[in-house]
N, C-alpha and C. Protein backbone atom coordinates (compact mmCIF):
# COMPACT_ATOMS: atom_id res chain seq x y z
N MET A 1 0.40 10.09 -7.93
CA MET A 1 -1.03 10.05 -7.96
C MET A 1 -1.64 10.51 -6.73
N PRO A 2 -2.60 11.41 -6.76
CA PRO A 2 -3.21 11.96 -5.53
C PRO A 2 -3.83 10.82 -4.67
N LEU A 3 -3.77 11.00 -3.41
CA LEU A 3 -4.36 10.08 -2.47
C LEU A 3 -5.85 10.52 -2.19
N GLN A 4 -6.74 9.57 -2.14
CA GLN A 4 -8.07 9.90 -1.76
C GLN A 4 -8.55 8.74 -0.85
N PHE A 5 -9.39 9.07 0.08
CA PHE A 5 -9.98 8.04 0.92
C PHE A 5 -11.04 7.25 0.18
N ALA A 6 -11.13 6.00 0.55
CA ALA A 6 -12.23 5.15 -0.07
C ALA A 6 -13.58 5.70 0.35
N ALA A 7 -14.58 5.35 -0.45
CA ALA A 7 -15.97 5.82 -0.21
C ALA A 7 -16.51 5.46 1.18
N HIS A 8 -15.99 4.40 1.80
CA HIS A 8 -16.47 3.98 3.09
C HIS A 8 -15.68 4.56 4.28
N VAL A 9 -14.91 5.58 4.02
CA VAL A 9 -14.08 6.20 5.05
C VAL A 9 -14.55 7.64 5.25
N SER A 10 -14.78 7.92 6.53
CA SER A 10 -15.09 9.32 6.97
C SER A 10 -13.91 9.82 7.70
N SER A 11 -13.66 11.14 7.62
CA SER A 11 -12.48 11.67 8.32
C SER A 11 -12.97 12.97 9.02
N ALA A 12 -12.27 13.24 10.12
CA ALA A 12 -12.50 14.48 10.92
C ALA A 12 -11.19 14.93 11.47
N LYS A 13 -10.96 16.23 11.34
CA LYS A 13 -9.75 16.81 11.95
C LYS A 13 -10.05 17.06 13.43
N THR A 14 -9.05 16.86 14.24
CA THR A 14 -9.13 17.07 15.67
C THR A 14 -7.94 17.96 16.09
N ASP A 15 -7.97 18.25 17.41
CA ASP A 15 -6.83 19.06 17.88
C ASP A 15 -5.54 18.32 17.91
N TYR A 16 -5.66 16.96 17.73
CA TYR A 16 -4.47 16.05 17.83
C TYR A 16 -4.12 15.41 16.51
N GLY A 17 -4.79 15.81 15.42
CA GLY A 17 -4.48 15.20 14.09
C GLY A 17 -5.77 14.97 13.34
N THR A 18 -5.94 13.76 12.84
CA THR A 18 -7.12 13.42 12.05
C THR A 18 -7.58 12.02 12.50
N VAL A 19 -8.92 11.91 12.59
CA VAL A 19 -9.49 10.53 12.91
C VAL A 19 -10.20 10.08 11.63
N LEU A 20 -9.94 8.80 11.32
CA LEU A 20 -10.60 8.13 10.22
C LEU A 20 -11.57 7.07 10.78
N LEU A 21 -12.69 6.98 10.15
CA LEU A 21 -13.63 5.87 10.50
C LEU A 21 -13.87 5.03 9.29
N ASP A 22 -13.51 3.75 9.42
CA ASP A 22 -13.77 2.74 8.39
C ASP A 22 -15.21 2.24 8.64
N GLU A 23 -16.14 2.73 7.88
CA GLU A 23 -17.54 2.42 8.11
C GLU A 23 -17.89 0.95 7.83
N ARG A 24 -16.99 0.23 7.24
CA ARG A 24 -17.29 -1.24 6.98
C ARG A 24 -17.37 -1.99 8.28
N GLY A 25 -16.54 -1.63 9.19
CA GLY A 25 -16.48 -2.44 10.47
C GLY A 25 -16.57 -1.54 11.70
N GLY A 26 -16.63 -0.21 11.52
CA GLY A 26 -16.65 0.67 12.63
C GLY A 26 -15.36 0.87 13.31
N GLU A 27 -14.22 0.59 12.55
CA GLU A 27 -12.90 0.79 13.21
C GLU A 27 -12.44 2.19 13.02
N TYR A 28 -11.85 2.75 14.01
CA TYR A 28 -11.28 4.10 13.98
C TYR A 28 -9.79 4.06 13.88
N TRP A 29 -9.24 4.97 13.15
CA TRP A 29 -7.79 5.19 13.00
C TRP A 29 -7.46 6.62 13.40
N GLU A 30 -6.49 6.82 14.24
CA GLU A 30 -6.08 8.13 14.64
C GLU A 30 -4.72 8.47 14.01
N LEU A 31 -4.75 9.55 13.24
CA LEU A 31 -3.42 9.97 12.66
C LEU A 31 -2.87 11.19 13.39
N ASN A 32 -1.65 11.10 13.73
CA ASN A 32 -1.00 12.20 14.46
C ASN A 32 -0.83 13.41 13.57
N PRO A 33 -0.36 14.57 14.14
CA PRO A 33 -0.23 15.77 13.29
C PRO A 33 0.69 15.62 12.07
N SER A 34 1.71 14.84 12.21
CA SER A 34 2.62 14.68 11.05
C SER A 34 1.92 13.87 9.95
N ALA A 35 1.23 12.80 10.32
CA ALA A 35 0.47 12.03 9.29
C ALA A 35 -0.67 12.86 8.67
N SER A 36 -1.31 13.69 9.47
CA SER A 36 -2.38 14.60 9.00
C SER A 36 -1.78 15.60 7.98
N LEU A 37 -0.63 16.11 8.20
CA LEU A 37 0.01 16.98 7.29
C LEU A 37 0.27 16.26 5.96
N VAL A 38 0.79 15.07 6.06
CA VAL A 38 1.15 14.28 4.88
C VAL A 38 -0.13 14.01 4.06
N ILE A 39 -1.21 13.52 4.69
CA ILE A 39 -2.41 13.20 3.87
C ILE A 39 -3.06 14.51 3.35
N GLY A 40 -2.88 15.57 4.01
CA GLY A 40 -3.43 16.86 3.49
C GLY A 40 -2.74 17.26 2.22
N VAL A 41 -1.41 17.11 2.19
CA VAL A 41 -0.65 17.40 0.95
C VAL A 41 -1.03 16.43 -0.19
N LEU A 42 -1.12 15.16 0.14
CA LEU A 42 -1.43 14.16 -0.87
C LEU A 42 -2.87 14.32 -1.41
N MET A 43 -3.78 14.57 -0.55
CA MET A 43 -5.17 14.76 -0.97
C MET A 43 -5.43 16.00 -1.72
N ALA A 44 -4.56 16.98 -1.59
CA ALA A 44 -4.58 18.24 -2.28
C ALA A 44 -3.97 18.10 -3.70
N GLY A 45 -3.45 16.91 -4.00
CA GLY A 45 -2.87 16.72 -5.30
C GLY A 45 -1.38 16.61 -5.35
N GLY A 46 -0.76 16.80 -4.23
CA GLY A 46 0.71 16.70 -4.17
C GLY A 46 1.16 15.29 -4.23
N ASP A 47 2.42 15.11 -4.60
CA ASP A 47 2.97 13.79 -4.68
C ASP A 47 3.76 13.46 -3.38
N GLU A 48 4.32 12.26 -3.30
CA GLU A 48 5.03 11.84 -2.04
C GLU A 48 6.26 12.76 -1.80
N SER A 49 6.88 13.23 -2.85
CA SER A 49 8.03 14.15 -2.68
C SER A 49 7.55 15.47 -2.04
N ALA A 50 6.43 15.97 -2.43
CA ALA A 50 5.93 17.24 -1.88
C ALA A 50 5.52 16.96 -0.43
N ALA A 51 4.94 15.80 -0.14
CA ALA A 51 4.56 15.52 1.24
C ALA A 51 5.76 15.38 2.13
N SER A 52 6.83 14.78 1.60
CA SER A 52 8.09 14.65 2.40
C SER A 52 8.64 16.02 2.66
N GLY A 53 8.65 16.92 1.66
CA GLY A 53 9.11 18.32 1.88
C GLY A 53 8.34 19.06 2.85
N ALA A 54 6.98 18.89 2.88
CA ALA A 54 6.17 19.55 3.90
C ALA A 54 6.50 19.01 5.24
N LEU A 55 6.76 17.74 5.36
CA LEU A 55 7.07 17.08 6.63
C LEU A 55 8.37 17.63 7.18
N MET A 56 9.39 17.78 6.28
CA MET A 56 10.69 18.32 6.67
C MET A 56 10.57 19.78 7.14
N ALA A 57 9.72 20.50 6.46
CA ALA A 57 9.60 21.96 6.75
C ALA A 57 8.87 22.18 8.10
N GLU A 58 7.95 21.31 8.42
CA GLU A 58 7.10 21.53 9.60
C GLU A 58 7.71 20.87 10.89
N PHE A 59 8.42 19.73 10.72
CA PHE A 59 8.91 18.91 11.81
C PHE A 59 10.44 18.74 11.63
N ASP A 60 11.07 18.42 12.71
CA ASP A 60 12.55 18.22 12.69
C ASP A 60 12.79 16.78 12.21
N VAL A 61 12.83 16.58 10.91
CA VAL A 61 13.05 15.25 10.33
C VAL A 61 13.89 15.45 9.10
N ASP A 62 14.83 14.49 8.91
CA ASP A 62 15.70 14.53 7.70
C ASP A 62 14.98 13.94 6.51
N ALA A 63 15.52 14.21 5.35
CA ALA A 63 14.93 13.74 4.06
C ALA A 63 14.71 12.27 3.97
N GLU A 64 15.67 11.49 4.43
CA GLU A 64 15.54 10.02 4.34
C GLU A 64 14.39 9.55 5.18
N SER A 65 14.28 10.01 6.40
CA SER A 65 13.25 9.65 7.30
C SER A 65 11.86 10.08 6.80
N ALA A 66 11.79 11.31 6.30
CA ALA A 66 10.56 11.83 5.80
C ALA A 66 10.01 11.00 4.56
N GLU A 67 10.88 10.69 3.70
CA GLU A 67 10.48 9.89 2.52
C GLU A 67 10.06 8.52 2.96
N ARG A 68 10.78 7.88 3.90
CA ARG A 68 10.43 6.53 4.43
C ARG A 68 9.06 6.57 5.08
N ASP A 69 8.85 7.62 5.93
CA ASP A 69 7.64 7.69 6.69
C ASP A 69 6.42 7.95 5.76
N VAL A 70 6.58 8.83 4.81
CA VAL A 70 5.48 9.09 3.86
C VAL A 70 5.11 7.81 3.12
N ALA A 71 6.09 7.10 2.59
CA ALA A 71 5.90 5.88 1.83
C ALA A 71 5.15 4.88 2.76
N ALA A 72 5.63 4.74 3.99
CA ALA A 72 4.99 3.75 4.89
C ALA A 72 3.50 4.11 5.19
N LEU A 73 3.26 5.39 5.37
CA LEU A 73 1.89 5.83 5.65
C LEU A 73 1.00 5.52 4.46
N VAL A 74 1.42 5.86 3.28
CA VAL A 74 0.62 5.56 2.04
C VAL A 74 0.42 4.11 1.91
N ARG A 75 1.42 3.33 2.10
CA ARG A 75 1.35 1.85 1.98
C ARG A 75 0.34 1.30 2.97
N GLN A 76 0.37 1.76 4.27
CA GLN A 76 -0.55 1.27 5.26
C GLN A 76 -1.98 1.68 4.91
N LEU A 77 -2.23 2.93 4.54
CA LEU A 77 -3.56 3.34 4.20
C LEU A 77 -4.12 2.57 3.01
N ARG A 78 -3.33 2.31 2.03
CA ARG A 78 -3.79 1.56 0.88
C ARG A 78 -3.99 0.06 1.26
N ALA A 79 -3.08 -0.54 2.01
CA ALA A 79 -3.23 -1.96 2.39
C ALA A 79 -4.40 -2.19 3.27
N SER A 80 -4.81 -1.22 4.06
CA SER A 80 -5.99 -1.38 4.95
C SER A 80 -7.30 -1.09 4.23
N GLY A 81 -7.18 -0.60 2.95
CA GLY A 81 -8.37 -0.30 2.22
C GLY A 81 -8.96 1.04 2.53
N LEU A 82 -8.24 1.88 3.29
CA LEU A 82 -8.69 3.19 3.68
C LEU A 82 -8.48 4.23 2.53
N ALA A 83 -7.54 3.98 1.73
CA ALA A 83 -7.19 4.95 0.67
C ALA A 83 -7.03 4.26 -0.68
N GLU A 84 -7.21 5.06 -1.72
CA GLU A 84 -7.10 4.53 -3.09
C GLU A 84 -6.01 5.37 -3.78
């Protein structure tokens, strides 16, 4: 299922990744370049497997770590209410 940010979340790309603003409480979240790559793949309609593959292609990370990191990021974004 594609990832999308909740309606109350604004995002901006920076030189260092992506910044998210949770407009409900004014809290900022900073995503590093690898997390930005993952959300880019997921928001474009890719699944977690595609995001893991992109992570392995761009960064020096093995398949198990990539899959674990992608799943953890998605879980955190959804648990915090930032993503649906």
